N, C-alpha and C. Protein backbone atom coordinates (compact mmCIF):
# COMPACT_ATOMS: atom_id res chain seq x y z
N MET A 1 0.84 -1.18 0.00
CA MET A 1 0.00 0.00 0.00
C MET A 1 0.90 1.25 0.00
N PRO A 2 0.61 2.19 -0.88
CA PRO A 2 1.46 3.40 -0.96
C PRO A 2 1.34 4.28 0.28
N TYR A 3 2.40 5.07 0.50
CA TYR A 3 2.36 6.05 1.58
C TYR A 3 1.26 7.07 1.30
N PRO A 4 0.61 7.61 2.33
CA PRO A 4 -0.41 8.65 2.11
C PRO A 4 0.24 9.91 1.53
N GLU A 5 -0.48 10.56 0.64
CA GLU A 5 0.06 11.73 -0.05
C GLU A 5 0.46 12.84 0.92
N PHE A 6 -0.33 13.07 1.97
CA PHE A 6 0.01 14.14 2.91
C PHE A 6 1.37 13.89 3.56
N PHE A 7 1.75 12.63 3.65
CA PHE A 7 3.02 12.26 4.27
C PHE A 7 4.20 12.54 3.34
N VAL A 8 4.05 12.25 2.06
CA VAL A 8 5.17 12.39 1.12
C VAL A 8 5.23 13.76 0.44
N ALA A 9 4.14 14.52 0.50
CA ALA A 9 4.09 15.81 -0.21
C ALA A 9 5.27 16.73 0.11
N PRO A 10 5.65 16.92 1.37
CA PRO A 10 6.79 17.80 1.65
C PRO A 10 8.11 17.28 1.05
N MET A 11 8.26 15.96 0.98
CA MET A 11 9.47 15.36 0.43
C MET A 11 9.49 15.49 -1.09
N ARG A 12 8.31 15.42 -1.70
CA ARG A 12 8.21 15.68 -3.15
C ARG A 12 8.61 17.13 -3.44
N GLN A 13 8.07 18.02 -2.60
CA GLN A 13 8.25 19.45 -2.82
C GLN A 13 9.71 19.88 -2.74
N GLU A 14 10.51 19.18 -1.94
CA GLU A 14 11.93 19.51 -1.87
C GLU A 14 12.57 19.45 -3.25
N LEU A 15 12.14 18.51 -4.07
CA LEU A 15 12.70 18.39 -5.42
C LEU A 15 11.95 19.25 -6.43
N THR A 16 10.63 19.30 -6.34
CA THR A 16 9.89 20.09 -7.33
C THR A 16 10.21 21.58 -7.18
N ASP A 17 10.53 22.03 -5.98
CA ASP A 17 10.94 23.43 -5.79
C ASP A 17 12.24 23.74 -6.53
N LEU A 18 13.01 22.70 -6.85
CA LEU A 18 14.25 22.87 -7.61
C LEU A 18 14.01 22.79 -9.12
N GLY A 19 12.75 22.60 -9.51
CA GLY A 19 12.43 22.48 -10.93
C GLY A 19 12.45 21.04 -11.43
N VAL A 20 12.54 20.09 -10.51
CA VAL A 20 12.54 18.68 -10.88
C VAL A 20 11.11 18.28 -11.23
N ARG A 21 10.97 17.60 -12.36
CA ARG A 21 9.66 17.21 -12.87
C ARG A 21 9.25 15.85 -12.30
N GLU A 22 8.06 15.77 -11.76
CA GLU A 22 7.56 14.50 -11.24
C GLU A 22 7.05 13.62 -12.37
N LEU A 23 7.40 12.34 -12.28
CA LEU A 23 6.89 11.32 -13.18
C LEU A 23 6.05 10.40 -12.31
N ARG A 24 4.74 10.49 -12.45
CA ARG A 24 3.87 9.77 -11.51
C ARG A 24 3.19 8.55 -12.12
N THR A 25 3.39 8.34 -13.42
CA THR A 25 2.80 7.16 -14.07
C THR A 25 3.87 6.48 -14.92
N PRO A 26 3.67 5.20 -15.22
CA PRO A 26 4.61 4.51 -16.11
C PRO A 26 4.72 5.21 -17.47
N GLU A 27 3.61 5.73 -17.96
CA GLU A 27 3.63 6.41 -19.26
C GLU A 27 4.49 7.67 -19.23
N GLU A 28 4.43 8.40 -18.12
CA GLU A 28 5.27 9.60 -17.99
C GLU A 28 6.75 9.22 -17.93
N VAL A 29 7.06 8.12 -17.27
CA VAL A 29 8.45 7.64 -17.21
C VAL A 29 8.93 7.29 -18.62
N ASP A 30 8.14 6.49 -19.33
CA ASP A 30 8.53 6.08 -20.68
C ASP A 30 8.71 7.29 -21.60
N ALA A 31 7.81 8.27 -21.50
CA ALA A 31 7.91 9.46 -22.34
C ALA A 31 9.19 10.24 -22.04
N ALA A 32 9.55 10.34 -20.77
CA ALA A 32 10.78 11.05 -20.41
C ALA A 32 12.01 10.30 -20.93
N VAL A 33 12.01 8.98 -20.77
CA VAL A 33 13.17 8.18 -21.19
C VAL A 33 13.34 8.21 -22.70
N THR A 34 12.24 8.08 -23.44
CA THR A 34 12.36 8.02 -24.90
C THR A 34 12.34 9.40 -25.55
N GLY A 35 11.82 10.40 -24.85
CA GLY A 35 11.64 11.71 -25.48
C GLY A 35 12.64 12.77 -25.09
N THR A 36 13.62 12.43 -24.27
CA THR A 36 14.59 13.43 -23.83
C THR A 36 15.79 13.43 -24.77
N ALA A 37 16.01 14.57 -25.42
CA ALA A 37 17.22 14.76 -26.22
C ALA A 37 18.27 15.30 -25.26
N GLY A 38 19.37 14.59 -25.13
CA GLY A 38 20.38 14.99 -24.16
C GLY A 38 20.37 14.03 -22.99
N THR A 39 20.67 14.54 -21.83
CA THR A 39 20.80 13.69 -20.64
C THR A 39 19.60 13.86 -19.72
N LEU A 40 19.06 12.74 -19.28
CA LEU A 40 17.94 12.70 -18.34
C LEU A 40 18.45 12.17 -17.02
N MET A 41 18.16 12.89 -15.94
CA MET A 41 18.46 12.38 -14.60
C MET A 41 17.13 12.00 -13.96
N ILE A 42 17.05 10.76 -13.48
CA ILE A 42 15.87 10.32 -12.74
C ILE A 42 16.28 10.02 -11.31
N VAL A 43 15.64 10.71 -10.38
CA VAL A 43 15.87 10.51 -8.96
C VAL A 43 14.77 9.60 -8.44
N VAL A 44 15.15 8.50 -7.81
CA VAL A 44 14.19 7.68 -7.10
C VAL A 44 14.18 8.22 -5.68
N ASN A 45 13.17 9.03 -5.38
CA ASN A 45 13.03 9.68 -4.08
C ASN A 45 12.49 8.68 -3.07
N SER A 46 12.66 8.99 -1.79
CA SER A 46 12.29 8.05 -0.74
C SER A 46 12.01 8.79 0.55
N VAL A 47 11.30 8.13 1.46
CA VAL A 47 11.02 8.71 2.78
C VAL A 47 12.15 8.47 3.77
N CYS A 48 13.15 7.70 3.40
CA CYS A 48 14.20 7.32 4.35
C CYS A 48 15.08 8.51 4.74
N GLY A 49 15.77 8.34 5.83
CA GLY A 49 16.64 9.40 6.34
C GLY A 49 17.77 9.76 5.40
N CYS A 50 18.31 8.79 4.66
CA CYS A 50 19.43 9.14 3.77
C CYS A 50 18.94 9.92 2.56
N ALA A 51 17.68 9.82 2.20
CA ALA A 51 17.13 10.67 1.15
C ALA A 51 16.97 12.09 1.68
N ALA A 52 16.48 12.20 2.91
CA ALA A 52 16.21 13.51 3.51
C ALA A 52 17.49 14.26 3.85
N GLY A 53 18.45 13.59 4.45
CA GLY A 53 19.63 14.27 4.95
C GLY A 53 20.81 14.27 4.02
N LYS A 54 20.76 13.44 2.98
CA LYS A 54 21.92 13.30 2.11
C LYS A 54 21.57 13.49 0.64
N ALA A 55 20.67 12.67 0.11
CA ALA A 55 20.40 12.68 -1.33
C ALA A 55 19.76 13.99 -1.79
N ARG A 56 18.62 14.37 -1.21
CA ARG A 56 17.95 15.58 -1.69
C ARG A 56 18.80 16.83 -1.50
N PRO A 57 19.46 17.01 -0.34
CA PRO A 57 20.35 18.18 -0.23
C PRO A 57 21.53 18.12 -1.20
N GLY A 58 22.07 16.93 -1.44
CA GLY A 58 23.17 16.78 -2.41
C GLY A 58 22.73 17.11 -3.82
N ILE A 59 21.52 16.69 -4.18
CA ILE A 59 20.97 17.01 -5.50
C ILE A 59 20.80 18.52 -5.63
N ALA A 60 20.26 19.16 -4.60
CA ALA A 60 20.07 20.61 -4.63
C ALA A 60 21.39 21.33 -4.88
N LEU A 61 22.44 20.91 -4.21
CA LEU A 61 23.75 21.53 -4.40
C LEU A 61 24.29 21.25 -5.81
N ALA A 62 24.16 20.03 -6.27
CA ALA A 62 24.69 19.66 -7.59
C ALA A 62 23.98 20.42 -8.72
N LEU A 63 22.69 20.68 -8.54
CA LEU A 63 21.94 21.37 -9.61
C LEU A 63 22.31 22.85 -9.73
N ARG A 64 23.14 23.35 -8.83
CA ARG A 64 23.66 24.72 -8.95
C ARG A 64 24.81 24.79 -9.95
N ASN A 65 25.33 23.63 -10.33
CA ASN A 65 26.45 23.55 -11.26
C ASN A 65 26.04 24.10 -12.63
N GLY A 66 26.98 24.68 -13.33
CA GLY A 66 26.69 25.21 -14.66
C GLY A 66 26.34 24.13 -15.66
N ILE A 67 26.94 22.97 -15.51
CA ILE A 67 26.65 21.83 -16.38
C ILE A 67 25.74 20.90 -15.59
N LYS A 68 24.59 20.60 -16.19
CA LYS A 68 23.64 19.69 -15.54
C LYS A 68 22.82 18.99 -16.60
N PRO A 69 22.05 18.00 -16.20
CA PRO A 69 21.25 17.25 -17.18
C PRO A 69 20.23 18.14 -17.90
N THR A 70 19.88 17.74 -19.11
CA THR A 70 18.88 18.45 -19.89
C THR A 70 17.54 18.45 -19.16
N VAL A 71 17.16 17.28 -18.65
CA VAL A 71 15.91 17.11 -17.91
C VAL A 71 16.22 16.40 -16.60
N VAL A 72 15.62 16.90 -15.52
CA VAL A 72 15.73 16.26 -14.21
C VAL A 72 14.32 15.89 -13.77
N ALA A 73 14.14 14.61 -13.47
CA ALA A 73 12.82 14.11 -13.11
C ALA A 73 12.93 13.22 -11.88
N THR A 74 11.78 12.90 -11.30
CA THR A 74 11.76 12.07 -10.11
C THR A 74 10.54 11.16 -10.08
N VAL A 75 10.75 10.00 -9.49
CA VAL A 75 9.66 9.09 -9.11
C VAL A 75 9.79 8.92 -7.60
N PHE A 76 8.70 8.57 -6.94
CA PHE A 76 8.74 8.45 -5.49
C PHE A 76 8.46 7.00 -5.09
N ALA A 77 9.49 6.32 -4.59
CA ALA A 77 9.34 4.94 -4.13
C ALA A 77 8.37 4.91 -2.96
N GLY A 78 7.47 3.96 -2.99
CA GLY A 78 6.50 3.82 -1.91
C GLY A 78 5.29 4.71 -2.05
N ALA A 79 5.27 5.57 -3.06
CA ALA A 79 4.12 6.44 -3.30
C ALA A 79 3.64 6.26 -4.74
N ASP A 80 4.53 6.50 -5.70
CA ASP A 80 4.20 6.29 -7.11
C ASP A 80 4.78 4.94 -7.52
N VAL A 81 4.15 3.89 -7.02
CA VAL A 81 4.70 2.54 -7.11
C VAL A 81 4.89 2.09 -8.56
N GLU A 82 3.88 2.27 -9.40
CA GLU A 82 3.98 1.82 -10.78
C GLU A 82 5.01 2.62 -11.56
N ALA A 83 5.08 3.92 -11.33
CA ALA A 83 6.07 4.76 -12.01
C ALA A 83 7.48 4.37 -11.57
N THR A 84 7.64 4.11 -10.28
CA THR A 84 8.96 3.70 -9.77
C THR A 84 9.36 2.35 -10.37
N ASP A 85 8.43 1.42 -10.43
CA ASP A 85 8.72 0.12 -11.04
C ASP A 85 9.15 0.29 -12.49
N ARG A 86 8.47 1.17 -13.22
CA ARG A 86 8.81 1.37 -14.63
C ARG A 86 10.20 2.00 -14.76
N ALA A 87 10.49 2.99 -13.93
CA ALA A 87 11.82 3.60 -13.97
C ALA A 87 12.88 2.53 -13.73
N ARG A 88 12.66 1.69 -12.76
CA ARG A 88 13.64 0.64 -12.45
C ARG A 88 13.79 -0.35 -13.59
N GLN A 89 12.75 -0.56 -14.38
CA GLN A 89 12.87 -1.42 -15.56
C GLN A 89 13.87 -0.82 -16.56
N HIS A 90 13.93 0.50 -16.59
CA HIS A 90 14.88 1.18 -17.49
C HIS A 90 16.31 1.15 -16.93
N PHE A 91 16.47 0.81 -15.67
CA PHE A 91 17.79 0.77 -15.03
C PHE A 91 18.36 -0.65 -15.09
N ALA A 92 18.33 -1.25 -16.24
CA ALA A 92 18.79 -2.63 -16.41
C ALA A 92 20.20 -2.81 -15.85
N GLY A 93 20.38 -3.90 -15.11
CA GLY A 93 21.68 -4.21 -14.55
C GLY A 93 21.90 -3.64 -13.15
N TYR A 94 20.96 -2.84 -12.67
CA TYR A 94 21.07 -2.26 -11.33
C TYR A 94 19.94 -2.79 -10.47
N ARG A 95 20.27 -3.13 -9.24
CA ARG A 95 19.25 -3.60 -8.30
C ARG A 95 18.39 -2.42 -7.85
N PRO A 96 17.12 -2.66 -7.56
CA PRO A 96 16.27 -1.58 -7.07
C PRO A 96 16.83 -1.02 -5.76
N SER A 97 16.95 0.28 -5.68
CA SER A 97 17.35 0.91 -4.43
C SER A 97 16.74 2.30 -4.36
N SER A 98 16.44 2.71 -3.16
CA SER A 98 15.94 4.07 -2.98
C SER A 98 16.52 4.61 -1.69
N PRO A 99 17.04 5.82 -1.77
CA PRO A 99 17.09 6.63 -2.97
C PRO A 99 18.16 6.13 -3.95
N SER A 100 18.02 6.57 -5.18
CA SER A 100 19.05 6.33 -6.19
C SER A 100 18.90 7.41 -7.25
N ILE A 101 19.97 7.59 -8.03
CA ILE A 101 19.99 8.65 -9.04
C ILE A 101 20.62 8.08 -10.29
N ALA A 102 19.87 8.11 -11.39
CA ALA A 102 20.37 7.60 -12.67
C ALA A 102 20.53 8.74 -13.66
N LEU A 103 21.62 8.71 -14.41
CA LEU A 103 21.78 9.58 -15.57
C LEU A 103 21.62 8.70 -16.80
N MET A 104 20.78 9.15 -17.73
CA MET A 104 20.49 8.36 -18.93
C MET A 104 20.71 9.19 -20.18
N ARG A 105 21.19 8.52 -21.21
CA ARG A 105 21.30 9.10 -22.55
C ARG A 105 20.75 8.07 -23.52
N ASP A 106 19.92 8.51 -24.43
CA ASP A 106 19.35 7.61 -25.44
C ASP A 106 18.73 6.36 -24.81
N GLY A 107 18.07 6.54 -23.68
CA GLY A 107 17.36 5.44 -23.04
C GLY A 107 18.23 4.48 -22.26
N GLN A 108 19.53 4.75 -22.15
CA GLN A 108 20.45 3.86 -21.46
C GLN A 108 21.07 4.56 -20.25
N VAL A 109 21.25 3.83 -19.17
CA VAL A 109 21.91 4.37 -17.99
C VAL A 109 23.40 4.53 -18.30
N VAL A 110 23.90 5.75 -18.11
CA VAL A 110 25.34 6.00 -18.28
C VAL A 110 26.03 6.20 -16.93
N TYR A 111 25.23 6.41 -15.89
CA TYR A 111 25.78 6.63 -14.54
C TYR A 111 24.67 6.33 -13.54
N MET A 112 25.04 5.66 -12.44
CA MET A 112 24.05 5.36 -11.40
C MET A 112 24.69 5.57 -10.04
N LEU A 113 23.98 6.29 -9.19
CA LEU A 113 24.37 6.46 -7.79
C LEU A 113 23.32 5.71 -6.97
N GLU A 114 23.73 4.60 -6.39
CA GLU A 114 22.80 3.74 -5.66
C GLU A 114 22.79 4.08 -4.17
N ARG A 115 21.78 3.58 -3.49
CA ARG A 115 21.64 3.83 -2.05
C ARG A 115 22.93 3.50 -1.29
N SER A 116 23.57 2.40 -1.65
CA SER A 116 24.78 2.00 -0.94
C SER A 116 25.90 3.03 -1.10
N GLN A 117 25.82 3.86 -2.15
CA GLN A 117 26.80 4.92 -2.37
C GLN A 117 26.34 6.25 -1.79
N ILE A 118 25.11 6.30 -1.31
CA ILE A 118 24.53 7.52 -0.74
C ILE A 118 24.57 7.47 0.79
N GLU A 119 24.19 6.34 1.37
CA GLU A 119 23.93 6.28 2.81
C GLU A 119 25.16 6.52 3.68
N ASN A 120 26.36 6.34 3.14
CA ASN A 120 27.56 6.54 3.95
C ASN A 120 28.31 7.83 3.59
N ARG A 121 27.67 8.72 2.86
CA ARG A 121 28.27 9.99 2.46
C ARG A 121 27.40 11.13 2.94
N ASP A 122 27.98 12.33 3.01
CA ASP A 122 27.18 13.50 3.35
C ASP A 122 26.73 14.20 2.06
N ALA A 123 25.90 15.21 2.23
CA ALA A 123 25.34 15.92 1.08
C ALA A 123 26.42 16.54 0.19
N LEU A 124 27.47 17.08 0.78
CA LEU A 124 28.55 17.69 -0.02
C LEU A 124 29.26 16.64 -0.87
N ALA A 125 29.51 15.47 -0.32
CA ALA A 125 30.16 14.40 -1.09
C ALA A 125 29.26 13.92 -2.22
N ILE A 126 27.98 13.84 -1.97
CA ILE A 126 27.03 13.43 -3.02
C ILE A 126 26.98 14.49 -4.11
N ALA A 127 26.94 15.76 -3.72
CA ALA A 127 26.95 16.85 -4.70
C ALA A 127 28.20 16.79 -5.55
N SER A 128 29.34 16.55 -4.92
CA SER A 128 30.60 16.47 -5.66
C SER A 128 30.59 15.31 -6.66
N GLU A 129 30.08 14.17 -6.22
CA GLU A 129 29.97 12.99 -7.08
C GLU A 129 29.05 13.28 -8.27
N LEU A 130 27.91 13.89 -8.01
CA LEU A 130 26.96 14.21 -9.08
C LEU A 130 27.54 15.25 -10.03
N THR A 131 28.19 16.27 -9.49
CA THR A 131 28.79 17.31 -10.33
C THR A 131 29.81 16.70 -11.29
N ALA A 132 30.64 15.80 -10.79
CA ALA A 132 31.62 15.12 -11.66
C ALA A 132 30.91 14.32 -12.75
N ALA A 133 29.81 13.65 -12.39
CA ALA A 133 29.05 12.88 -13.39
C ALA A 133 28.41 13.83 -14.40
N PHE A 134 27.89 14.96 -13.95
CA PHE A 134 27.31 15.94 -14.88
C PHE A 134 28.36 16.40 -15.87
N GLU A 135 29.55 16.71 -15.38
CA GLU A 135 30.60 17.22 -16.25
C GLU A 135 31.05 16.16 -17.25
N LYS A 136 31.01 14.90 -16.85
CA LYS A 136 31.41 13.82 -17.75
C LYS A 136 30.33 13.48 -18.78
N PHE A 137 29.06 13.43 -18.33
CA PHE A 137 28.00 12.92 -19.19
C PHE A 137 27.04 13.96 -19.74
N CYS A 138 27.05 15.18 -19.19
CA CYS A 138 26.08 16.18 -19.61
C CYS A 138 26.68 17.32 -20.41
N ALA A 139 28.00 17.43 -20.42
CA ALA A 139 28.65 18.52 -21.16
C ALA A 139 28.44 18.32 -22.65
N THR A 140 28.17 19.40 -23.34
CA THR A 140 28.02 19.34 -24.78
C THR A 140 29.41 19.28 -25.40
N PRO A 141 29.68 18.25 -26.22
CA PRO A 141 31.00 18.16 -26.85
C PRO A 141 31.23 19.36 -27.78
N THR A 142 32.45 19.84 -27.78
CA THR A 142 32.80 20.95 -28.67
C THR A 142 33.78 20.45 -29.72
N THR A 143 33.74 21.07 -30.86
CA THR A 143 34.69 20.69 -31.92
C THR A 143 35.72 21.78 -32.06
N ALA A 144 36.93 21.36 -32.33
CA ALA A 144 38.05 22.32 -32.43
C ALA A 144 38.10 22.94 -33.80
């Protein structure tokens, strides 16, 4: 049974206030994955403490970077169950974890930050890790 909306709404808002787009249905997930030109970041949000104290604050810091994904979206584990399941289907080769953060290009995961890489770091370390991934996978190549 999903978490009640009144319970997760403030946790959703932490990301939507940053301009992160919610994907609440499997169809919205598929449209984002197949319809994004450039890099798509999908955050699997969660009610857990490491999402609240580490992942969401780290994402907020990383999104201040000049280089960032073309589209940033989120699904909420335990609330948008079907959308989260669909997002995880697109994360082939990675075990389900929440929170987690995937960077995708052309429908394929090019970078994944899993819960096991989040729970033992602070927000600044997560921001640094994400910023490095943004610079590697989101920068527009230039020709000389």
